[in-house]
Amino acid sequence: MIPFLQCRRSTTMFVLALFGAMWASALAGNAQETAPLGHNQSQPAPLVQEHKTIRVSDHVYVIPDGRVNLVPNIGIIVGNRATLVVDAGMGPRNGQTVLRELAKVSKNADLYLTTTHFHPEHVTGAQAFPANTKIIRSEAQEEEVKQKQPEFIHNFSQRTPEIQALLQDVKPRPPDILFDREVKLDLGGVTARLFLVGPGHTRGDTAVYVEEDKVLFTGDVVVNRFFPIFPDRDASGKNWLAILNQFEALQPRTVVPGHGEVGDAGLLSKEQGYLKSLQSRVAELKAQGKSADDTAKLLSDEFRQKYPDWENPGWISDAAKHFYSESD
C-alpha cells in the first residue's frame, strides 16, 4: 500500500495517489515587524538544537526551540511508509540539522515537508532537504511566500551577522503539492491532517493535526510564555480567537506551539485569556476616546505586569493596535 493524500477544496474532495518515485514582497509598508523578537532584543544565534529531539507520542517527535527567538519547534511525524516534517528552520544550515535529527528517528524513504507559515525561520530550511522531498503548502501561504518572503528575508538579514549568514543565497523552494483548505496525508498507520486556519498570525497560517495521537501543531497562532506575534496588516485578532476555538474543538492531547515548550490544551485557553482580555481593554479605552497609540502604550505597560514571565512584550503594542482597528 502506498501513501495517499486526500485534498479538500471548498466544495469538492479528491484523492491524489502518489506512486513509486517522489514528486519531483512582504512590502515594507505592509510589515510592522518581521520576526518574533521582542522588538530588536539581543538574542542568541537562531540555531536548531541538535541531540535534543523528544518523543511526544507514538508517532510524533519534536525538536524543541530551546526558547531561542527565530527558532521554531520542529515536528517529525513517522508512519510505517512515510514521514512528515513540520517546519524546517532558518536557512540550509538549520535544515541540515533537522535532517540529521530526522535520520535518528525515521528510515522511511518517502519524505514530506510542510510549513506552518511563510516566515523565514519556518520555511527557508527547506533548501537543504533532498530533491525528492514532497513539499506541501496551502495556496494562501504560497501567495505570501511569493509576495512577502523576499522582503522578510532581507529584513531578517539586517538584524545580525549570524542571521545574514544563515540566509545568504536562500531561494524559496516551490511546493510540489498545493491545497486550498485541507489535505489529509496517510503516512502508514498514522494520518496527518493539514488545514488552513489563517488569517491569524499570517494570512496563510496552517495547522497540522495528528489524528491517532491527538497531537496538534499550531504554528505561531499559539506560543508558550511568549506574547503572541502580530507581524503585519494581514494579522487578525478576531480571527485569531476564532482559530483558538477551532483548535479547542479538536480536543488535542498534546499541543506543539510555534515557539516555547510543548504543552497540552491548557496552552490554548491561556492564549485565549490573554487575547480576550486585551481585546476587552482595547474596546474600553477606545470608548473613552483614547487614540490607538495611547491605547497601545497604556496596555503594553498593563499587560507586562499582568504576564511578567512572558517574553517579547514588544508585541503587546502591535496586538492592541490590531484589536483597536477591528473594534467598532
Protein backbone atom coordinates (compact mmCIF):
# COMPACT_ATOMS: atom_id res chain seq x y z
CA MET A 1 0.00 0.00 0.00
CA ILE A 2 1.31 3.45 -0.88
CA PRO A 3 0.87 6.86 0.78
CA PHE A 4 -2.04 8.95 -0.45
CA LEU A 5 -3.38 12.43 0.00
CA GLN A 6 -6.98 13.45 0.45
CA CYS A 7 -7.30 17.10 -0.58
CA ARG A 8 -10.48 19.03 0.21
CA ARG A 9 -11.37 22.26 -1.53
CA SER A 10 -14.36 24.36 -0.60
CA THR A 11 -16.87 22.16 -2.43
CA THR A 12 -15.03 19.10 -3.66
CA MET A 13 -12.77 16.35 -2.38
CA PHE A 14 -10.33 14.40 -4.42
CA VAL A 15 -7.66 11.80 -3.82
CA LEU A 16 -4.19 12.09 -5.24
CA ALA A 17 -2.32 8.79 -5.48
CA LEU A 18 1.43 9.06 -5.11
CA PHE A 19 3.31 6.32 -7.00
CA GLY A 20 6.85 4.99 -6.66
CA ALA A 21 9.27 7.87 -7.15
CA MET A 22 8.82 11.18 -5.30
CA TRP A 23 7.08 14.17 -6.88
CA ALA A 24 9.73 15.57 -8.47
CA SER A 25 7.16 41.19 -1.12
CA ALA A 26 6.07 41.48 2.28
CA LEU A 27 6.22 45.16 1.27
CA ALA A 28 7.85 47.47 3.77
CA GLY A 29 4.55 49.33 4.20
CA ASN A 30 2.78 46.05 4.97
CA ALA A 31 5.25 44.91 7.62
CA GLN A 32 5.15 46.36 11.10
CA GLU A 33 7.68 43.86 12.39
CA THR A 34 9.03 40.76 10.77
CA ALA A 35 10.21 38.41 13.48
CA PRO A 36 9.30 37.06 16.89
CA LEU A 37 11.98 39.15 18.53
CA GLY A 38 10.83 41.39 21.32
CA HIS A 39 11.43 44.36 19.05
CA ASN A 40 15.16 44.10 18.49
CA GLN A 41 16.22 42.44 21.71
CA SER A 42 19.70 40.93 21.72
CA GLN A 43 19.32 37.20 21.12
CA PRO A 44 21.41 34.04 20.71
CA ALA A 45 22.08 32.81 17.18
CA PRO A 46 18.90 31.13 15.86
CA LEU A 47 20.23 27.59 15.50
CA VAL A 48 18.09 24.46 15.65
CA GLN A 49 19.21 22.29 18.57
CA GLU A 50 21.00 19.03 17.85
CA HIS A 51 20.68 15.94 20.09
CA LYS A 52 17.63 17.44 21.85
CA THR A 53 14.79 15.73 19.97
CA ILE A 54 11.98 14.47 22.20
CA ARG A 55 9.22 11.96 21.60
CA VAL A 56 5.78 13.34 22.46
CA SER A 57 3.56 10.45 21.27
CA ASP A 58 3.70 7.11 19.47
CA HIS A 59 4.37 8.68 16.07
CA VAL A 60 5.49 12.23 16.82
CA TYR A 61 8.86 13.74 17.70
CA VAL A 62 9.70 17.40 18.32
CA ILE A 63 12.99 19.26 18.03
CA PRO A 64 12.34 21.89 20.73
CA ASP A 65 13.22 25.52 20.14
CA GLY A 66 15.07 25.95 23.43
CA ARG A 67 13.21 29.26 23.82
CA VAL A 68 15.52 30.88 21.29
CA ASN A 69 13.82 33.50 19.15
CA LEU A 70 13.69 32.74 15.41
CA VAL A 71 13.95 29.01 16.12
CA PRO A 72 10.63 27.17 15.73
CA ASN A 73 9.55 23.93 17.28
CA ILE A 74 10.03 21.39 14.51
CA GLY A 75 7.86 18.30 14.18
CA ILE A 76 8.67 14.86 12.80
CA ILE A 77 5.69 12.56 12.24
CA VAL A 78 6.72 8.99 11.45
CA GLY A 79 4.43 6.45 9.81
CA ASN A 80 5.06 2.93 8.55
CA ARG A 81 5.65 4.13 4.99
CA ALA A 82 6.41 7.85 5.05
CA THR A 83 7.49 10.73 7.28
CA LEU A 84 6.22 14.30 7.50
CA VAL A 85 8.40 17.15 8.82
CA VAL A 86 6.62 20.26 10.12
CA ASP A 87 8.73 23.42 9.59
CA ALA A 88 12.37 23.48 8.56
CA GLY A 89 14.29 26.15 10.47
CA MET A 90 16.06 29.19 9.08
CA GLY A 91 18.31 28.54 6.09
CA PRO A 92 20.14 25.44 4.82
CA ARG A 93 22.38 25.09 7.87
CA ASN A 94 19.37 24.61 10.13
CA GLY A 95 17.67 22.44 7.55
CA GLN A 96 20.68 20.12 7.60
CA THR A 97 20.41 19.87 11.39
CA VAL A 98 16.76 18.89 11.02
CA LEU A 99 17.72 16.17 8.55
CA ARG A 100 20.34 14.76 10.92
CA GLU A 101 17.76 14.60 13.71
CA LEU A 102 15.25 13.08 11.32
CA ALA A 103 17.67 10.28 10.43
CA LYS A 104 17.79 9.24 14.10
CA VAL A 105 14.05 8.53 14.29
CA SER A 106 12.99 7.54 10.77
CA LYS A 107 14.42 5.44 7.95
CA ASN A 108 11.47 5.98 5.60
CA ALA A 109 12.43 6.79 2.02
CA ASP A 110 9.27 8.81 1.40
CA LEU A 111 9.59 12.26 2.95
CA TYR A 112 7.14 15.16 3.10
CA LEU A 113 7.70 18.68 4.38
CA THR A 114 5.05 21.23 5.30
CA THR A 115 5.37 24.69 6.83
CA THR A 116 3.00 26.42 9.23
CA HIS A 117 3.50 29.86 7.66
CA PHE A 118 5.85 31.76 5.36
CA HIS A 119 8.24 33.39 7.85
CA PRO A 120 11.89 32.59 7.09
CA GLU A 121 12.61 30.66 10.30
CA HIS A 122 9.87 28.20 9.36
CA VAL A 123 10.37 27.88 5.60
CA THR A 124 13.89 28.58 4.36
CA GLY A 125 15.49 25.45 5.81
CA ALA A 126 13.65 23.58 3.05
CA GLN A 127 16.55 24.37 0.74
CA ALA A 128 18.61 21.65 2.48
CA PHE A 129 16.04 18.89 2.02
CA PRO A 130 16.61 16.20 -0.64
CA ALA A 131 15.27 16.95 -4.09
CA ASN A 132 12.77 14.11 -3.86
CA THR A 133 11.13 15.56 -0.73
CA LYS A 134 7.49 16.39 -1.43
CA ILE A 135 6.76 19.90 -0.15
CA ILE A 136 3.11 20.56 0.74
CA ARG A 137 1.78 24.07 1.21
CA SER A 138 -1.57 25.87 1.22
CA GLU A 139 -2.29 28.18 -1.69
CA ALA A 140 -2.71 31.15 0.67
CA GLN A 141 0.69 30.50 2.23
CA GLU A 142 2.33 30.11 -1.18
CA GLU A 143 0.99 33.52 -2.19
CA GLU A 144 2.68 35.02 0.85
CA VAL A 145 5.94 33.22 0.07
CA LYS A 146 5.92 34.84 -3.37
CA GLN A 147 4.70 38.26 -2.30
CA LYS A 148 6.37 38.79 1.06
CA GLN A 149 9.24 36.44 1.69
CA PRO A 150 11.95 38.28 -0.29
CA GLU A 151 11.43 41.41 1.80
CA PHE A 152 11.23 39.40 5.02
CA ILE A 153 14.49 37.63 4.19
CA HIS A 154 16.11 41.00 3.52
CA ASN A 155 14.80 42.44 6.80
CA PHE A 156 15.85 39.40 8.82
CA SER A 157 19.32 39.53 7.27
CA GLN A 158 19.85 43.06 8.55
CA ARG A 159 19.41 42.02 12.19
CA THR A 160 22.68 40.21 12.95
CA PRO A 161 25.66 38.82 11.05
CA GLU A 162 24.63 35.31 12.17
CA ILE A 163 21.18 35.64 10.61
CA GLN A 164 22.68 37.15 7.48
CA ALA A 165 24.95 34.12 7.12
CA LEU A 166 22.06 31.69 7.64
CA LEU A 167 20.01 33.38 4.93
CA GLN A 168 22.77 34.05 2.43
CA ASP A 169 21.73 32.98 -1.10
CA VAL A 170 18.48 31.47 0.17
CA LYS A 171 15.87 30.99 -2.52
CA PRO A 172 12.25 29.95 -1.90
CA ARG A 173 11.67 26.31 -2.75
CA PRO A 174 8.41 25.81 -4.64
CA PRO A 175 5.85 23.32 -3.37
CA ASP A 176 5.15 20.01 -5.06
CA ILE A 177 1.60 19.88 -3.73
CA LEU A 178 -0.72 22.85 -3.21
CA PHE A 179 -4.05 22.67 -1.41
CA ASP A 180 -6.88 25.10 -0.83
CA ARG A 181 -8.38 24.35 2.58
CA GLU A 182 -7.28 20.93 3.79
CA VAL A 183 -5.25 17.84 2.93
CA LYS A 184 -5.00 14.51 4.72
CA LEU A 185 -1.76 12.60 4.44
CA ASP A 186 -1.68 8.87 5.15
CA LEU A 187 1.83 8.07 6.35
CA GLY A 188 1.02 4.45 7.07
CA GLY A 189 -0.68 3.73 10.38
CA VAL A 190 -0.99 7.42 11.18
CA THR A 191 -2.77 10.30 9.46
CA ALA A 192 -1.70 13.94 9.43
CA ARG A 193 -4.39 16.49 8.68
CA LEU A 194 -3.04 19.77 7.29
CA PHE A 195 -5.58 22.60 7.30
CA LEU A 196 -5.56 26.31 6.57
CA VAL A 197 -6.68 28.42 9.52
CA GLY A 198 -5.42 31.92 8.65
CA PRO A 199 -5.58 34.82 8.72
CA GLY A 200 -4.44 34.95 12.32
CA HIS A 201 -0.71 35.37 12.77
CA THR A 202 -0.40 35.44 8.96
CA ARG A 203 -2.79 35.03 6.05
CA GLY A 204 -1.56 31.52 5.29
CA ASP A 205 -1.44 30.04 8.81
CA THR A 206 -1.60 26.25 8.52
CA ALA A 207 -2.04 23.77 11.37
CA VAL A 208 -1.22 20.06 11.46
CA TYR A 209 -3.25 17.58 13.49
CA VAL A 210 -2.02 14.03 14.01
CA GLU A 211 -5.35 12.30 14.41
CA GLU A 212 -4.41 8.99 16.03
CA ASP A 213 -2.07 10.63 18.55
CA LYS A 214 -4.19 13.77 19.13
CA VAL A 215 -1.13 15.98 18.64
CA LEU A 216 -1.70 19.50 17.28
CA PHE A 217 0.97 21.67 15.64
CA THR A 218 -0.33 25.24 15.80
CA GLY A 219 2.41 27.27 14.18
CA ASP A 220 2.73 30.74 15.67
CA VAL A 221 -1.00 31.03 16.32
CA VAL A 222 -0.05 29.55 19.69
CA VAL A 223 3.17 30.33 21.56
CA ASN A 224 4.07 29.31 25.10
CA ARG A 225 5.13 32.08 27.51
CA PHE A 226 5.74 34.47 24.66
CA PHE A 227 3.37 37.28 23.79
CA PRO A 228 1.55 36.38 20.55
CA ILE A 229 3.20 37.84 17.49
CA PHE A 230 1.25 40.26 15.27
CA PRO A 231 3.63 40.78 12.35
CA ASP A 232 1.74 42.74 9.67
CA ARG A 233 -1.61 44.02 8.45
CA ASP A 234 -2.80 40.54 7.49
CA ALA A 235 -2.83 39.53 11.16
CA SER A 236 -6.29 39.48 12.74
CA GLY A 237 -7.08 39.40 16.43
CA LYS A 238 -10.74 38.45 15.88
CA ASN A 239 -9.84 35.60 13.58
CA TRP A 240 -7.07 34.54 15.95
CA LEU A 241 -9.62 33.97 18.70
CA ALA A 242 -11.83 32.01 16.29
CA ILE A 243 -8.87 29.81 15.36
CA LEU A 244 -8.22 29.04 19.02
CA ASN A 245 -11.86 27.94 19.33
CA GLN A 246 -11.34 25.71 16.31
CA PHE A 247 -8.26 24.19 17.94
CA GLU A 248 -10.09 23.59 21.22
CA ALA A 249 -12.84 21.70 19.37
CA LEU A 250 -10.23 19.12 18.33
CA GLN A 251 -9.59 18.30 22.00
CA PRO A 252 -5.87 17.73 21.43
CA ARG A 253 -3.92 15.78 24.00
CA THR A 254 -0.63 17.48 23.10
CA VAL A 255 -0.13 20.98 21.70
CA VAL A 256 3.11 21.89 19.94
CA PRO A 257 3.25 25.70 19.78
CA GLY A 258 5.24 27.60 17.18
CA HIS A 259 7.62 28.76 19.90
CA GLY A 260 8.00 27.72 23.53
CA GLU A 261 7.63 24.45 25.39
CA VAL A 262 5.31 21.66 24.25
CA GLY A 263 2.17 21.53 26.37
CA ASP A 264 -1.45 20.42 26.45
CA ALA A 265 -4.76 22.07 25.61
CA GLY A 266 -4.18 24.46 28.50
CA LEU A 267 -1.93 26.47 26.17
CA LEU A 268 -4.98 27.29 24.07
CA SER A 269 -7.01 28.61 26.99
CA LYS A 270 -4.08 30.65 28.32
CA GLU A 271 -3.64 32.41 25.00
CA GLN A 272 -7.38 32.92 24.67
CA GLY A 273 -7.42 34.51 28.10
CA TYR A 274 -4.71 36.98 27.14
CA LEU A 275 -6.22 37.91 23.78
CA LYS A 276 -9.77 38.26 25.11
CA SER A 277 -8.59 40.40 27.99
CA LEU A 278 -6.56 42.60 25.66
CA GLN A 279 -9.47 42.88 23.21
CA SER A 280 -11.80 43.92 26.02
CA ARG A 281 -9.42 46.54 27.40
CA VAL A 282 -8.85 47.98 23.92
CA ALA A 283 -12.60 48.39 23.47
CA GLU A 284 -12.89 50.13 26.85
CA LEU A 285 -10.10 52.61 26.14
CA LYS A 286 -11.33 53.30 22.61
CA ALA A 287 -14.81 54.03 24.02
CA GLN A 288 -13.15 56.53 26.38
CA GLY A 289 -11.72 58.35 23.36
CA LYS A 290 -8.13 57.12 23.64
CA SER A 291 -6.12 57.04 20.41
CA ALA A 292 -4.66 53.82 19.04
CA ASP A 293 -1.15 54.88 20.08
CA ASP A 294 -2.20 55.88 23.59
CA THR A 295 -4.18 52.66 23.98
CA ALA A 296 -1.23 50.57 22.85
CA LYS A 297 1.15 52.31 25.27
CA LEU A 298 -1.18 52.01 28.25
CA LEU A 299 -1.91 48.36 27.63
CA SER A 300 1.70 47.48 26.95
CA ASP A 301 2.55 48.62 30.47
CA GLU A 302 -0.54 46.97 31.95
CA PHE A 303 -0.05 43.54 30.36
CA ARG A 304 3.68 43.42 31.05
CA GLN A 305 2.72 43.47 34.73
CA LYS A 306 -0.13 41.00 34.25
CA TYR A 307 2.11 38.45 32.48
CA PRO A 308 5.56 39.03 34.00
CA ASP A 309 7.02 35.68 32.89
CA TRP A 310 6.02 36.04 29.22
CA GLU A 311 8.78 37.07 26.82
CA ASN A 312 8.81 39.56 23.93
CA PRO A 313 6.46 42.17 25.44
CA GLY A 314 7.07 44.44 22.46
CA TRP A 315 4.27 42.55 20.72
CA ILE A 316 1.61 43.77 23.15
CA SER A 317 1.51 47.14 21.43
CA ASP A 318 1.06 45.64 17.96
CA ALA A 319 -1.70 43.31 19.17
CA ALA A 320 -3.50 46.22 20.82
CA LYS A 321 -3.38 48.25 17.60
CA HIS A 322 -4.83 45.35 15.62
CA PHE A 323 -7.70 44.98 18.07
CA TYR A 324 -8.21 48.75 18.01
CA SER A 325 -8.60 48.78 14.22
CA GLU A 326 -11.02 45.84 14.40
CA SER A 327 -13.24 47.23 17.17
CA ASP A 328 -16.48 49.08 16.44
